[in-house]
Amino acid sequence: MSRTLVAEQSEFVDRRSPYGTGEGQGRERRQFTNSHEELSPEAAELARAIDTYKLSHRRRFINFEEMLSIVKSLGYKR
């Protein structure tokens, strides 16, 4: 009972490539773009600041020092 898969021949589009074709060309793909909707205004501001930092520094994840600098840049202090 062997089955063979028949796949349509189509051109491969590497969505990770900034030079690929497609609707999101030139933009970084974000996984959780709308996850800030249910947050409080303060938490949403922090989330946007973190996303902005990550985009501008081309970081997928940030460490605690970077998080602290983002929090301080929003005006929070101990």
Protein backbone atom coordinates (compact mmCIF):
# COMPACT_ATOMS: atom_id res chain seq x y z
CA MET A 1 0.00 0.00 0.00
CA SER A 2 2.45 2.61 -1.08
CA ARG A 3 1.16 6.02 -1.99
CA THR A 4 2.91 8.51 -4.17
CA LEU A 5 2.46 12.19 -3.74
CA VAL A 6 1.85 14.24 -6.82
CA ALA A 7 2.98 17.80 -6.34
CA GLU A 8 2.28 20.61 -8.71
CA GLN A 9 5.31 22.13 -10.33
CA SER A 10 5.59 25.68 -9.07
CA GLU A 11 8.36 28.17 -8.62
CA PHE A 12 9.89 28.12 -5.15
CA VAL A 13 9.64 31.46 -3.35
CA ASP A 14 12.06 31.92 -0.46
CA ARG A 15 10.02 34.16 1.86
CA ARG A 16 13.03 34.73 4.07
CA SER A 17 14.85 36.50 1.26
CA PRO A 18 14.45 40.29 1.16
CA TYR A 19 14.64 40.05 -2.64
CA GLY A 20 11.83 37.55 -3.05
CA THR A 21 8.64 38.31 -4.81
CA GLY A 22 5.37 38.60 -3.02
CA GLU A 23 3.08 40.85 -1.12
CA GLY A 24 5.38 41.39 1.87
CA GLN A 25 8.42 42.26 -0.18
CA GLY A 26 10.94 44.35 1.73
CA ARG A 27 9.26 43.81 5.10
CA GLU A 28 10.34 41.56 7.89
CA ARG A 29 7.77 38.89 8.66
CA ARG A 30 6.45 39.24 12.21
CA GLN A 31 4.80 36.33 13.92
CA PHE A 32 2.82 38.14 16.61
CA THR A 33 1.91 41.48 15.06
CA ASN A 34 -1.54 41.76 16.60
CA SER A 35 -0.77 40.33 20.04
CA HIS A 36 -0.73 43.82 21.62
CA GLU A 37 -4.50 44.31 21.31
CA GLU A 38 -5.44 42.85 24.69
CA LEU A 39 -2.69 44.58 26.67
CA SER A 40 -3.07 47.59 28.92
CA PRO A 41 -1.92 50.87 27.35
CA GLU A 42 1.33 50.79 29.33
CA ALA A 43 2.09 47.18 28.39
CA ALA A 44 1.26 47.88 24.74
CA GLU A 45 3.66 50.85 24.79
CA LEU A 46 6.41 48.60 26.17
CA ALA A 47 5.66 45.91 23.59
CA ARG A 48 5.85 48.45 20.74
CA ALA A 49 9.13 49.83 22.12
CA ILE A 50 10.60 46.33 22.28
CA ASP A 51 9.45 45.55 18.73
CA THR A 52 10.93 48.82 17.49
CA TYR A 53 14.23 48.06 19.23
CA LYS A 54 14.34 44.55 17.79
CA LEU A 55 13.63 45.78 14.27
CA SER A 56 16.14 48.63 14.38
CA HIS A 57 18.90 46.43 15.86
CA ARG A 58 17.98 43.38 13.74
CA ARG A 59 17.53 41.19 16.82
CA ARG A 60 15.06 38.36 17.16
CA PHE A 61 15.56 38.06 20.91
CA ILE A 62 16.89 40.56 23.44
CA ASN A 63 18.76 40.07 26.69
CA PHE A 64 18.02 41.59 30.10
CA GLU A 65 20.42 44.52 29.60
CA GLU A 66 18.63 45.48 26.39
CA MET A 67 15.26 45.12 28.10
CA LEU A 68 16.43 47.38 30.91
CA SER A 69 17.63 50.02 28.44
CA ILE A 70 14.24 49.94 26.68
CA VAL A 71 12.37 50.31 29.98
CA LYS A 72 14.60 53.22 30.99
CA SER A 73 14.14 54.86 27.60
CA LEU A 74 10.40 54.93 28.30
CA GLY A 75 11.09 56.96 31.45
CA TYR A 76 10.84 54.31 34.12
CA LYS A 77 13.35 54.43 36.95
CA ARG A 78 13.89 52.63 40.19
